């Protein structure tokens, strides 16, 4: 049986520059029955990554599947926390993963600022 995580391991960035192709690659994988995406090789991300992952999750849900996003890089986890969608992006993330990196409670976007 082939490793069901292979399809997206070639993905090294998930940014506005490749969001459309990454989205389609993931949707094709979901349509073919893949339910686990390994994102360990993703190094560059921006806000488009969050949108892509939420769309993948919606497509999997519509197909009656549970999509597992594995090995999300820290910068990607941080974006999902910033937008308050951590638990929506991946059911495999723990409460600790979705909590604030500094141990603080999640804050509203108006509370977030640069140091």
PDB file of N, CA and C in Angstrom:
ATOM      1  N   UNK A   1       0.845  -1.184   0.000  1.00  0.00           N
ATOM      2  CA  UNK A   1       0.000   0.000   0.000  1.00  0.00           C
ATOM      3  C   UNK A   1       0.887   1.243   0.000  1.00  0.00           C
ATOM      4  N   UNK A   2       0.666   2.171  -0.906  1.00  0.00           N
ATOM      5  CA  UNK A   2       1.519   3.363  -0.954  1.00  0.00           C
ATOM      6  C   UNK A   2       1.309   4.251   0.268  1.00  0.00           C
ATOM      7  N   UNK A   3       2.338   4.974   0.630  1.00  0.00           N
ATOM      8  CA  UNK A   3       2.249   5.893   1.752  1.00  0.00           C
ATOM      9  C   UNK A   3       1.275   7.007   1.402  1.00  0.00           C
ATOM     10  N   UNK A   4       0.224   7.141   2.180  1.00  0.00           N
ATOM     11  CA  UNK A   4      -0.816   8.124   1.881  1.00  0.00           C
ATOM     12  C   UNK A   4      -0.366   9.549   2.179  1.00  0.00           C
ATOM     13  N   UNK A   5       0.848   9.723   2.698  1.00  0.00           N
ATOM     14  CA  UNK A   5       1.333  11.065   3.002  1.00  0.00           C
ATOM     15  C   UNK A   5       2.186  11.646   1.876  1.00  0.00           C
ATOM     16  N   UNK A   6       2.486  10.863   0.858  1.00  0.00           N
ATOM     17  CA  UNK A   6       3.454  11.273  -0.154  1.00  0.00           C
ATOM     18  C   UNK A   6       3.027  12.443  -1.027  1.00  0.00           C
ATOM     19  N   UNK A   7       1.761  12.583  -1.327  1.00  0.00           N
ATOM     20  CA  UNK A   7       1.311  13.534  -2.327  1.00  0.00           C
ATOM     21  C   UNK A   7       1.808  14.963  -2.094  1.00  0.00           C
ATOM     22  N   UNK A   8       1.774  15.442  -0.882  1.00  0.00           N
ATOM     23  CA  UNK A   8       2.144  16.834  -0.648  1.00  0.00           C
ATOM     24  C   UNK A   8       3.522  17.005  -0.020  1.00  0.00           C
ATOM     25  N   UNK A   9       4.295  15.928   0.076  1.00  0.00           N
ATOM     26  CA  UNK A   9       5.631  16.074   0.643  1.00  0.00           C
ATOM     27  C   UNK A   9       6.550  16.889  -0.257  1.00  0.00           C
ATOM     28  N   UNK A  10       6.214  17.013  -1.528  1.00  0.00           N
ATOM     29  CA  UNK A  10       7.035  17.815  -2.432  1.00  0.00           C
ATOM     30  C   UNK A  10       6.769  19.314  -2.264  1.00  0.00           C
ATOM     31  N   UNK A  11       5.744  19.651  -1.525  1.00  0.00           N
ATOM     32  CA  UNK A  11       5.386  21.057  -1.317  1.00  0.00           C
ATOM     33  C   UNK A  11       6.369  21.707  -0.348  1.00  0.00           C
ATOM     34  N   UNK A  12       7.096  22.735  -0.811  1.00  0.00           N
ATOM     35  CA  UNK A  12       8.077  23.409   0.042  1.00  0.00           C
ATOM     36  C   UNK A  12       7.646  24.808   0.444  1.00  0.00           C
ATOM     37  N   UNK A  13       6.618  25.316  -0.216  1.00  0.00           N
ATOM     38  CA  UNK A  13       6.079  26.617   0.177  1.00  0.00           C
ATOM     39  C   UNK A  13       4.572  26.589  -0.022  1.00  0.00           C
ATOM     40  N   UNK A  14       3.912  27.421   0.744  1.00  0.00           N
ATOM     41  CA  UNK A  14       2.467  27.558   0.638  1.00  0.00           C
ATOM     42  C   UNK A  14       2.177  29.041   0.816  1.00  0.00           C
ATOM     43  N   UNK A  15       2.324  29.750  -0.308  1.00  0.00           N
ATOM     44  CA  UNK A  15       2.186  31.205  -0.303  1.00  0.00           C
ATOM     45  C   UNK A  15       1.258  31.627  -1.434  1.00  0.00           C
ATOM     46  N   UNK A  16       1.007  32.896  -1.508  1.00  0.00           N
ATOM     47  CA  UNK A  16       0.154  33.435  -2.563  1.00  0.00           C
ATOM     48  C   UNK A  16       0.688  33.068  -3.950  1.00  0.00           C
ATOM     49  N   UNK A  17       1.998  32.859  -4.054  1.00  0.00           N
ATOM     50  CA  UNK A  17       2.614  32.546  -5.345  1.00  0.00           C
ATOM     51  C   UNK A  17       2.273  31.155  -5.868  1.00  0.00           C
ATOM     52  N   UNK A  18       1.981  30.218  -4.972  1.00  0.00           N
ATOM     53  CA  UNK A  18       1.647  28.871  -5.427  1.00  0.00           C
ATOM     54  C   UNK A  18       0.345  28.348  -4.815  1.00  0.00           C
ATOM     55  N   UNK A  19      -0.440  29.223  -4.235  1.00  0.00           N
ATOM     56  CA  UNK A  19      -1.669  28.796  -3.537  1.00  0.00           C
ATOM     57  C   UNK A  19      -2.629  28.056  -4.462  1.00  0.00           C
ATOM     58  N   UNK A  20      -2.820  28.546  -5.668  1.00  0.00           N
ATOM     59  CA  UNK A  20      -3.773  27.912  -6.582  1.00  0.00           C
ATOM     60  C   UNK A  20      -3.334  26.502  -6.941  1.00  0.00           C
ATOM     61  N   UNK A  21      -2.055  26.329  -7.278  1.00  0.00           N
ATOM     62  CA  UNK A  21      -1.591  24.986  -7.636  1.00  0.00           C
ATOM     63  C   UNK A  21      -1.586  24.058  -6.424  1.00  0.00           C
ATOM     64  N   UNK A  22      -1.211  24.558  -5.258  1.00  0.00           N
ATOM     65  CA  UNK A  22      -1.224  23.739  -4.046  1.00  0.00           C
ATOM     66  C   UNK A  22      -2.653  23.355  -3.679  1.00  0.00           C
ATOM     67  N   UNK A  23      -3.571  24.292  -3.836  1.00  0.00           N
ATOM     68  CA  UNK A  23      -4.976  24.014  -3.559  1.00  0.00           C
ATOM     69  C   UNK A  23      -5.469  22.880  -4.445  1.00  0.00           C
ATOM     70  N   UNK A  24      -5.197  22.981  -5.744  1.00  0.00           N
ATOM     71  CA  UNK A  24      -5.640  21.960  -6.687  1.00  0.00           C
ATOM     72  C   UNK A  24      -4.977  20.612  -6.417  1.00  0.00           C
ATOM     73  N   UNK A  25      -3.694  20.639  -6.073  1.00  0.00           N
ATOM     74  CA  UNK A  25      -2.981  19.404  -5.762  1.00  0.00           C
ATOM     75  C   UNK A  25      -3.653  18.712  -4.571  1.00  0.00           C
ATOM     76  N   UNK A  26      -3.989  19.477  -3.550  1.00  0.00           N
ATOM     77  CA  UNK A  26      -4.655  18.914  -2.378  1.00  0.00           C
ATOM     78  C   UNK A  26      -6.058  18.425  -2.682  1.00  0.00           C
ATOM     79  N   UNK A  27      -6.806  19.195  -3.470  1.00  0.00           N
ATOM     80  CA  UNK A  27      -8.173  18.789  -3.825  1.00  0.00           C
ATOM     81  C   UNK A  27      -8.165  17.514  -4.653  1.00  0.00           C
ATOM     82  N   UNK A  28      -7.202  17.397  -5.571  1.00  0.00           N
ATOM     83  CA  UNK A  28      -7.068  16.169  -6.355  1.00  0.00           C
ATOM     84  C   UNK A  28      -6.784  14.973  -5.442  1.00  0.00           C
ATOM     85  N   UNK A  29      -5.911  15.175  -4.461  1.00  0.00           N
ATOM     86  CA  UNK A  29      -5.571  14.102  -3.522  1.00  0.00           C
ATOM     87  C   UNK A  29      -6.793  13.691  -2.710  1.00  0.00           C
ATOM     88  N   UNK A  30      -7.575  14.667  -2.264  1.00  0.00           N
ATOM     89  CA  UNK A  30      -8.794  14.379  -1.494  1.00  0.00           C
ATOM     90  C   UNK A  30      -9.785  13.603  -2.353  1.00  0.00           C
ATOM     91  N   UNK A  31      -9.946  14.038  -3.602  1.00  0.00           N
ATOM     92  CA  UNK A  31     -10.865  13.336  -4.510  1.00  0.00           C
ATOM     93  C   UNK A  31     -10.430  11.890  -4.764  1.00  0.00           C
ATOM     94  N   UNK A  32      -9.128  11.652  -4.686  1.00  0.00           N
ATOM     95  CA  UNK A  32      -8.630  10.285  -4.908  1.00  0.00           C
ATOM     96  C   UNK A  32      -8.641   9.458  -3.618  1.00  0.00           C
ATOM     97  N   UNK A  33      -9.135  10.045  -2.534  1.00  0.00           N
ATOM     98  CA  UNK A  33      -9.281   9.293  -1.292  1.00  0.00           C
ATOM     99  C   UNK A  33      -8.186   9.496  -0.268  1.00  0.00           C
ATOM    100  N   UNK A  34      -7.242  10.364  -0.555  1.00  0.00           N
ATOM    101  CA  UNK A  34      -6.172  10.615   0.410  1.00  0.00           C
ATOM    102  C   UNK A  34      -6.720  11.430   1.573  1.00  0.00           C
ATOM    103  N   UNK A  35      -6.360  11.041   2.798  1.00  0.00           N
ATOM    104  CA  UNK A  35      -6.877  11.742   3.979  1.00  0.00           C
ATOM    105  C   UNK A  35      -5.773  12.247   4.899  1.00  0.00           C
ATOM    106  N   UNK A  36      -4.513  12.038   4.522  1.00  0.00           N
ATOM    107  CA  UNK A  36      -3.388  12.515   5.335  1.00  0.00           C
ATOM    108  C   UNK A  36      -2.424  13.286   4.452  1.00  0.00           C
ATOM    109  N   UNK A  37      -2.151  14.524   4.851  1.00  0.00           N
ATOM    110  CA  UNK A  37      -1.188  15.357   4.132  1.00  0.00           C
ATOM    111  C   UNK A  37      -0.023  15.642   5.066  1.00  0.00           C
ATOM    112  N   UNK A  38       1.170  15.392   4.612  1.00  0.00           N
ATOM    113  CA  UNK A  38       2.372  15.658   5.385  1.00  0.00           C
ATOM    114  C   UNK A  38       2.978  16.964   4.877  1.00  0.00           C
ATOM    115  N   UNK A  39       3.031  17.957   5.738  1.00  0.00           N
ATOM    116  CA  UNK A  39       3.525  19.281   5.337  1.00  0.00           C
ATOM    117  C   UNK A  39       4.899  19.582   5.927  1.00  0.00           C
ATOM    118  N   UNK A  40       5.649  18.542   6.260  1.00  0.00           N
ATOM    119  CA  UNK A  40       6.952  18.716   6.910  1.00  0.00           C
ATOM    120  C   UNK A  40       7.947  19.513   6.074  1.00  0.00           C
ATOM    121  N   UNK A  41       7.824  19.501   4.764  1.00  0.00           N
ATOM    122  CA  UNK A  41       8.798  20.182   3.910  1.00  0.00           C
ATOM    123  C   UNK A  41       8.418  21.618   3.568  1.00  0.00           C
ATOM    124  N   UNK A  42       7.285  22.078   4.058  1.00  0.00           N
ATOM    125  CA  UNK A  42       6.854  23.452   3.798  1.00  0.00           C
ATOM    126  C   UNK A  42       7.677  24.393   4.675  1.00  0.00           C
ATOM    127  N   UNK A  43       8.410  25.266   4.032  1.00  0.00           N
ATOM    128  CA  UNK A  43       9.264  26.211   4.760  1.00  0.00           C
ATOM    129  C   UNK A  43       8.732  27.640   4.694  1.00  0.00           C
ATOM    130  N   UNK A  44       8.174  28.038   3.559  1.00  0.00           N
ATOM    131  CA  UNK A  44       7.679  29.404   3.385  1.00  0.00           C
ATOM    132  C   UNK A  44       6.150  29.395   3.376  1.00  0.00           C
ATOM    133  N   UNK A  45       5.556  30.242   4.206  1.00  0.00           N
ATOM    134  CA  UNK A  45       4.097  30.344   4.261  1.00  0.00           C
ATOM    135  C   UNK A  45       3.693  31.807   4.377  1.00  0.00           C
ATOM    136  N   UNK A  46       2.467  32.071   3.976  1.00  0.00           N
ATOM    137  CA  UNK A  46       1.848  33.360   4.250  1.00  0.00           C
ATOM    138  C   UNK A  46       0.369  33.099   4.501  1.00  0.00           C
ATOM    139  N   UNK A  47      -0.425  34.141   4.585  1.00  0.00           N
ATOM    140  CA  UNK A  47      -1.839  33.970   4.936  1.00  0.00           C
ATOM    141  C   UNK A  47      -2.598  33.107   3.932  1.00  0.00           C
ATOM    142  N   UNK A  48      -2.112  33.003   2.708  1.00  0.00           N
ATOM    143  CA  UNK A  48      -2.775  32.148   1.719  1.00  0.00           C
ATOM    144  C   UNK A  48      -2.770  30.687   2.172  1.00  0.00           C
ATOM    145  N   UNK A  49      -1.760  30.288   2.928  1.00  0.00           N
ATOM    146  CA  UNK A  49      -1.672  28.911   3.411  1.00  0.00           C
ATOM    147  C   UNK A  49      -2.878  28.552   4.269  1.00  0.00           C
ATOM    148  N   UNK A  50      -3.304  29.475   5.100  1.00  0.00           N
ATOM    149  CA  UNK A  50      -4.450  29.223   5.976  1.00  0.00           C
ATOM    150  C   UNK A  50      -5.709  29.014   5.143  1.00  0.00           C
ATOM    151  N   UNK A  51      -5.901  29.846   4.159  1.00  0.00           N
ATOM    152  CA  UNK A  51      -7.063  29.719   3.277  1.00  0.00           C
ATOM    153  C   UNK A  51      -7.057  28.385   2.537  1.00  0.00           C
ATOM    154  N   UNK A  52      -5.894  27.991   2.031  1.00  0.00           N
ATOM    155  CA  UNK A  52      -5.776  26.726   1.309  1.00  0.00           C
ATOM    156  C   UNK A  52      -6.121  25.562   2.234  1.00  0.00           C
ATOM    157  N   UNK A  53      -5.568  25.553   3.425  1.00  0.00           N
ATOM    158  CA  UNK A  53      -5.817  24.449   4.349  1.00  0.00           C
ATOM    159  C   UNK A  53      -7.289  24.378   4.775  1.00  0.00           C
ATOM    160  N   UNK A  54      -7.912  25.525   4.975  1.00  0.00           N
ATOM    161  CA  UNK A  54      -9.338  25.524   5.321  1.00  0.00           C
ATOM    162  C   UNK A  54     -10.184  24.993   4.164  1.00  0.00           C
ATOM    163  N   UNK A  55      -9.807  25.325   2.942  1.00  0.00           N
ATOM    164  CA  UNK A  55     -10.530  24.823   1.769  1.00  0.00           C
ATOM    165  C   UNK A  55     -10.346  23.317   1.632  1.00  0.00           C
ATOM    166  N   UNK A  56      -9.133  22.829   1.887  1.00  0.00           N
ATOM    167  CA  UNK A  56      -8.913  21.378   1.880  1.00  0.00           C
ATOM    168  C   UNK A  56      -9.805  20.695   2.907  1.00  0.00           C
ATOM    169  N   UNK A  57      -9.866  21.282   4.107  1.00  0.00           N
ATOM    170  CA  UNK A  57     -10.686  20.689   5.168  1.00  0.00           C
ATOM    171  C   UNK A  57     -12.160  20.656   4.759  1.00  0.00           C
ATOM    172  N   UNK A  58     -12.639  21.737   4.179  1.00  0.00           N
ATOM    173  CA  UNK A  58     -14.041  21.809   3.741  1.00  0.00           C
ATOM    174  C   UNK A  58     -14.321  20.756   2.666  1.00  0.00           C
ATOM    175  N   UNK A  59     -13.399  20.593   1.731  1.00  0.00           N
ATOM    176  CA  UNK A  59     -13.571  19.600   0.670  1.00  0.00           C
ATOM    177  C   UNK A  59     -13.599  18.187   1.244  1.00  0.00           C
ATOM    178  N   UNK A  60     -12.727  17.914   2.203  1.00  0.00           N
ATOM    179  CA  UNK A  60     -12.710  16.591   2.827  1.00  0.00           C
ATOM    180  C   UNK A  60     -14.017  16.346   3.577  1.00  0.00           C
ATOM    181  N   UNK A  61     -14.454  17.347   4.303  1.00  0.00           N
ATOM    182  CA  UNK A  61     -15.715  17.227   5.050  1.00  0.00           C
ATOM    183  C   UNK A  61     -16.877  16.978   4.089  1.00  0.00           C
ATOM    184  N   UNK A  62     -16.915  17.713   2.993  1.00  0.00           N
ATOM    185  CA  UNK A  62     -17.970  17.528   1.988  1.00  0.00           C
ATOM    186  C   UNK A  62     -17.930  16.113   1.401  1.00  0.00           C
ATOM    187  N   UNK A  63     -16.734  15.507   1.364  1.00  0.00           N
ATOM    188  CA  UNK A  63     -16.572  14.149   0.839  1.00  0.00           C
ATOM    189  C   UNK A  63     -16.797  13.094   1.920  1.00  0.00           C
ATOM    190  N   UNK A  64     -17.130  13.552   3.136  1.00  0.00           N
ATOM    191  CA  UNK A  64     -17.370  12.617   4.226  1.00  0.00           C
ATOM    192  C   UNK A  64     -16.103  12.046   4.834  1.00  0.00           C
ATOM    193  N   UNK A  65     -14.990  12.753   4.656  1.00  0.00           N
ATOM    194  CA  UNK A  65     -13.701  12.281   5.161  1.00  0.00           C
ATOM    195  C   UNK A  65     -13.172  13.232   6.231  1.00  0.00           C
ATOM    196  N   UNK A  66     -12.218  12.739   6.996  1.00  0.00           N
ATOM    197  CA  UNK A  66     -11.516  13.562   7.972  1.00  0.00           C
ATOM    198  C   UNK A  66     -10.088  13.719   7.464  1.00  0.00           C
ATOM    199  N   UNK A  67      -9.706  14.955   7.174  1.00  0.00           N
ATOM    200  CA  UNK A  67      -8.375  15.231   6.651  1.00  0.00           C
ATOM    201  C   UNK A  67      -7.419  15.485   7.806  1.00  0.00           C
ATOM    202  N   UNK A  68      -6.295  14.781   7.806  1.00  0.00           N
ATOM    203  CA  UNK A  68      -5.267  14.974   8.817  1.00  0.00           C
ATOM    204  C   UNK A  68      -4.093  15.711   8.185  1.00  0.00           C
ATOM    205  N   UNK A  69      -3.793  16.874   8.720  1.00  0.00           N
ATOM    206  CA  UNK A  69      -2.629  17.635   8.272  1.00  0.00           C
ATOM    207  C   UNK A  69      -1.527  17.381   9.286  1.00  0.00           C
ATOM    208  N   UNK A  70      -0.480  16.723   8.846  1.00  0.00           N
ATOM    209  CA  UNK A  70       0.596  16.303   9.742  1.00  0.00           C
ATOM    210  C   UNK A  70       1.828  17.178   9.562  1.00  0.00           C
ATOM    211  N   UNK A  71       2.590  17.291  10.641  1.00  0.00           N
ATOM    212  CA  UNK A  71       3.903  17.949  10.626  1.00  0.00           C
ATOM    213  C   UNK A  71       3.847  19.389  10.133  1.00  0.00           C
ATOM    214  N   UNK A  72       2.858  20.142  10.616  1.00  0.00           N
ATOM    215  CA  UNK A  72       2.793  21.554  10.254  1.00  0.00           C
ATOM    216  C   UNK A  72       3.989  22.272  10.854  1.00  0.00           C
ATOM    217  N   UNK A  73       4.693  23.051  10.040  1.00  0.00           N
ATOM    218  CA  UNK A  73       5.827  23.809  10.571  1.00  0.00           C
ATOM    219  C   UNK A  73       5.344  24.876  11.554  1.00  0.00           C
ATOM    220  N   UNK A  74       6.220  25.270  12.444  1.00  0.00           N
ATOM    221  CA  UNK A  74       5.868  26.232  13.491  1.00  0.00           C
ATOM    222  C   UNK A  74       5.290  27.524  12.922  1.00  0.00           C
ATOM    223  N   UNK A  75       5.888  28.031  11.848  1.00  0.00           N
ATOM    224  CA  UNK A  75       5.387  29.298  11.299  1.00  0.00           C
ATOM    225  C   UNK A  75       3.952  29.147  10.783  1.00  0.00           C
ATOM    226  N   UNK A  76       3.606  27.976  10.312  1.00  0.00           N
ATOM    227  CA  UNK A  76       2.252  27.728   9.838  1.00  0.00           C
ATOM    228  C   UNK A  76       1.288  27.579  11.009  1.00  0.00           C
ATOM    229  N   UNK A  77       1.707  26.883  12.050  1.00  0.00           N
ATOM    230  CA  UNK A  77       0.886  26.788  13.263  1.00  0.00           C
ATOM    231  C   UNK A  77       0.627  28.181  13.837  1.00  0.00           C
ATOM    232  N   UNK A  78       1.668  29.021  13.843  1.00  0.00           N
ATOM    233  CA  UNK A  78       1.519  30.371  14.376  1.00  0.00           C
ATOM    234  C   UNK A  78       0.492  31.173  13.592  1.00  0.00           C
ATOM    235  N   UNK A  79       0.476  31.011  12.268  1.00  0.00           N
ATOM    236  CA  UNK A  79      -0.529  31.708  11.464  1.00  0.00           C
ATOM    237  C   UNK A  79      -1.943  31.230  11.798  1.00  0.00           C
ATOM    238  N   UNK A  80      -2.106  29.928  11.985  1.00  0.00           N
ATOM    239  CA  UNK A  80      -3.442  29.414  12.303  1.00  0.00           C
ATOM    240  C   UNK A  80      -3.895  29.921  13.663  1.00  0.00           C
ATOM    241  N   UNK A  81      -2.955  30.082  14.594  1.00  0.00           N
ATOM    242  CA  UNK A  81      -3.300  30.644  15.908  1.00  0.00           C
ATOM    243  C   UNK A  81      -3.664  32.121  15.776  1.00  0.00           C
ATOM    244  N   UNK A  82      -2.897  32.847  14.990  1.00  0.00           N
ATOM    245  CA  UNK A  82      -3.150  34.269  14.789  1.00  0.00           C
ATOM    246  C   UNK A  82      -4.561  34.510  14.264  1.00  0.00           C
ATOM    247  N   UNK A  83      -4.978  33.673  13.310  1.00  0.00           N
ATOM    248  CA  UNK A  83      -6.301  33.825  12.712  1.00  0.00           C
ATOM    249  C   UNK A  83      -7.397  33.112  13.492  1.00  0.00           C
ATOM    250  N   UNK A  84      -7.030  32.415  14.571  1.00  0.00           N
ATOM    251  CA  UNK A  84      -8.015  31.756  15.411  1.00  0.00           C
ATOM    252  C   UNK A  84      -8.655  30.531  14.777  1.00  0.00           C
ATOM    253  N   UNK A  85      -7.939  29.866  13.855  1.00  0.00           N
ATOM    254  CA  UNK A  85      -8.505  28.711  13.154  1.00  0.00           C
ATOM    255  C   UNK A  85      -7.681  27.442  13.364  1.00  0.00           C
ATOM    256  N   UNK A  86      -6.844  27.438  14.355  1.00  0.00           N
ATOM    257  CA  UNK A  86      -5.947  26.303  14.584  1.00  0.00           C
ATOM    258  C   UNK A  86      -6.705  24.985  14.643  1.00  0.00           C
ATOM    259  N   UNK A  87      -7.739  24.909  15.458  1.00  0.00           N
ATOM    260  CA  UNK A  87      -8.460  23.642  15.601  1.00  0.00           C
ATOM    261  C   UNK A  87      -9.277  23.305  14.363  1.00  0.00           C
ATOM    262  N   UNK A  88      -9.597  24.293  13.536  1.00  0.00           N
ATOM    263  CA  UNK A  88     -10.335  24.035  12.300  1.00  0.00           C
ATOM    264  C   UNK A  88      -9.424  23.486  11.211  1.00  0.00           C
ATOM    265  N   UNK A  89      -8.171  23.870  11.254  1.00  0.00           N
ATOM    266  CA  UNK A  89      -7.224  23.456  10.220  1.00  0.00           C
ATOM    267  C   UNK A  89      -6.869  21.987  10.364  1.00  0.00           C
ATOM    268  N   UNK A  90      -6.624  21.540  11.581  1.00  0.00           N
ATOM    269  CA  UNK A  90      -6.216  20.153  11.756  1.00  0.00           C
ATOM    270  C   UNK A  90      -6.726  19.588  13.067  1.00  0.00           C
ATOM    271  N   UNK A  91      -7.481  18.533  12.963  1.00  0.00           N
ATOM    272  CA  UNK A  91      -7.999  17.872  14.155  1.00  0.00           C
ATOM    273  C   UNK A  91      -6.894  17.156  14.918  1.00  0.00           C
ATOM    274  N   UNK A  92      -5.724  17.007  14.305  1.00  0.00           N
ATOM    275  CA  UNK A  92      -4.625  16.314  14.976  1.00  0.00           C
ATOM    276  C   UNK A  92      -3.791  17.259  15.844  1.00  0.00           C
ATOM    277  N   UNK A  93      -4.050  18.564  15.754  1.00  0.00           N
ATOM    278  CA  UNK A  93      -3.333  19.498  16.608  1.00  0.00           C
ATOM    279  C   UNK A  93      -3.945  19.453  18.002  1.00  0.00           C
ATOM    280  N   UNK A  94      -3.105  19.446  19.008  1.00  0.00           N
ATOM    281  CA  UNK A  94      -3.581  19.386  20.384  1.00  0.00           C
ATOM    282  C   UNK A  94      -3.914  20.784  20.891  1.00  0.00           C
ATOM    283  N   UNK A  95      -4.537  20.841  22.057  1.00  0.00           N
ATOM    284  CA  UNK A  95      -4.835  22.137  22.677  1.00  0.00           C
ATOM    285  C   UNK A  95      -3.539  22.909  22.907  1.00  0.00           C
ATOM    286  N   UNK A  96      -2.468  22.182  23.231  1.00  0.00           N
ATOM    287  CA  UNK A  96      -1.168  22.830  23.424  1.00  0.00           C
ATOM    288  C   UNK A  96      -0.676  23.434  22.111  1.00  0.00           C
ATOM    289  N   UNK A  97      -0.860  22.696  20.999  1.00  0.00           N
ATOM    290  CA  UNK A  97      -0.469  23.212  19.686  1.00  0.00           C
ATOM    291  C   UNK A  97      -1.223  24.495  19.360  1.00  0.00           C
ATOM    292  N   UNK A  98      -2.486  24.529  19.723  1.00  0.00           N
ATOM    293  CA  UNK A  98      -3.336  25.663  19.366  1.00  0.00           C
ATOM    294  C   UNK A  98      -3.262  26.797  20.382  1.00  0.00           C
ATOM    295  N   UNK A  99      -2.638  26.555  21.520  1.00  0.00           N
ATOM    296  CA  UNK A  99      -2.476  27.610  22.506  1.00  0.00           C
ATOM    297  C   UNK A  99      -1.407  28.582  22.070  1.00  0.00           C
ATOM    298  N   UNK A 100      -1.291  29.661  22.791  1.00  0.00           N
ATOM    299  CA  UNK A 100      -0.285  30.670  22.475  1.00  0.00           C
ATOM    300  C   UNK A 100       1.111  30.120  22.722  1.00  0.00           C
ATOM    301  N   UNK A 101       2.032  30.434  21.832  1.00  0.00           N
ATOM    302  CA  UNK A 101       3.400  29.929  21.937  1.00  0.00           C
ATOM    303  C   UNK A 101       4.063  30.379  23.234  1.00  0.00           C
ATOM    304  N   UNK A 102       3.681  31.527  23.725  1.00  0.00           N
ATOM    305  CA  UNK A 102       4.288  32.053  24.937  1.00  0.00           C
ATOM    306  C   UNK A 102       3.565  31.627  26.195  1.00  0.00           C
ATOM    307  N   UNK A 103       2.582  30.742  26.080  1.00  0.00           N
ATOM    308  CA  UNK A 103       1.859  30.287  27.241  1.00  0.00           C
ATOM    309  C   UNK A 103       0.709  31.197  27.626  1.00  0.00           C
ATOM    310  N   UNK A 104       0.456  32.214  26.850  1.00  0.00           N
ATOM    311  CA  UNK A 104      -0.656  33.118  27.125  1.00  0.00           C
ATOM    312  C   UNK A 104      -1.933  32.550  26.525  1.00  0.00           C
ATOM    313  N   UNK A 105      -3.050  32.988  27.062  1.00  0.00           N
ATOM    314  CA  UNK A 105      -4.332  32.575  26.492  1.00  0.00           C
ATOM    315  C   UNK A 105      -4.466  33.190  25.101  1.00  0.00           C
ATOM    316  N   UNK A 106      -5.275  32.554  24.249  1.00  0.00           N
ATOM    317  CA  UNK A 106      -5.487  33.122  22.921  1.00  0.00           C
ATOM    318  C   UNK A 106      -6.117  34.495  23.067  1.00  0.00           C
ATOM    319  N   UNK A 107      -5.681  35.396  22.228  1.00  0.00           N
ATOM    320  CA  UNK A 107      -6.155  36.772  22.297  1.00  0.00           C
ATOM    321  C   UNK A 107      -6.923  37.109  21.035  1.00  0.00           C
ATOM    322  N   UNK A 108      -7.697  38.159  21.140  1.00  0.00           N
ATOM    323  CA  UNK A 108      -8.413  38.617  19.959  1.00  0.00           C
ATOM    324  C   UNK A 108      -7.422  39.322  19.048  1.00  0.00           C
ATOM    325  N   UNK A 109      -7.741  39.420  17.742  1.00  0.00           N
ATOM    326  CA  UNK A 109      -6.814  40.086  16.819  1.00  0.00           C
ATOM    327  C   UNK A 109      -6.460  41.511  17.238  1.00  0.00           C
ATOM    328  N   UNK A 110      -7.381  42.199  17.904  1.00  0.00           N
ATOM    329  CA  UNK A 110      -7.084  43.572  18.317  1.00  0.00           C
ATOM    330  C   UNK A 110      -6.054  43.628  19.437  1.00  0.00           C
ATOM    331  N   UNK A 111      -5.868  42.503  20.152  1.00  0.00           N
ATOM    332  CA  UNK A 111      -4.885  42.448  21.212  1.00  0.00           C
ATOM    333  C   UNK A 111      -3.483  42.140  20.710  1.00  0.00           C
ATOM    334  N   UNK A 112      -3.391  41.656  19.458  1.00  0.00           N
ATOM    335  CA  UNK A 112      -2.102  41.255  18.928  1.00  0.00           C
ATOM    336  C   UNK A 112      -1.348  42.451  18.399  1.00  0.00           C
ATOM    337  N   UNK A 113      -0.081  42.507  18.725  1.00  0.00           N
ATOM    338  CA  UNK A 113       0.766  43.586  18.226  1.00  0.00           C
ATOM    339  C   UNK A 113       2.182  43.099  18.140  1.00  0.00           C
ATOM    340  N   UNK A 114       3.007  43.816  17.400  1.00  0.00           N
ATOM    341  CA  UNK A 114       4.410  43.444  17.232  1.00  0.00           C
ATOM    342  C   UNK A 114       5.210  43.961  18.404  1.00  0.00           C
ATOM    343  N   UNK A 115       6.211  43.201  18.789  1.00  0.00           N
ATOM    344  CA  UNK A 115       7.102  43.627  19.894  1.00  0.00           C
ATOM    345  C   UNK A 115       8.366  44.211  19.329  1.00  0.00           C
TER     346      UNK A 115
END
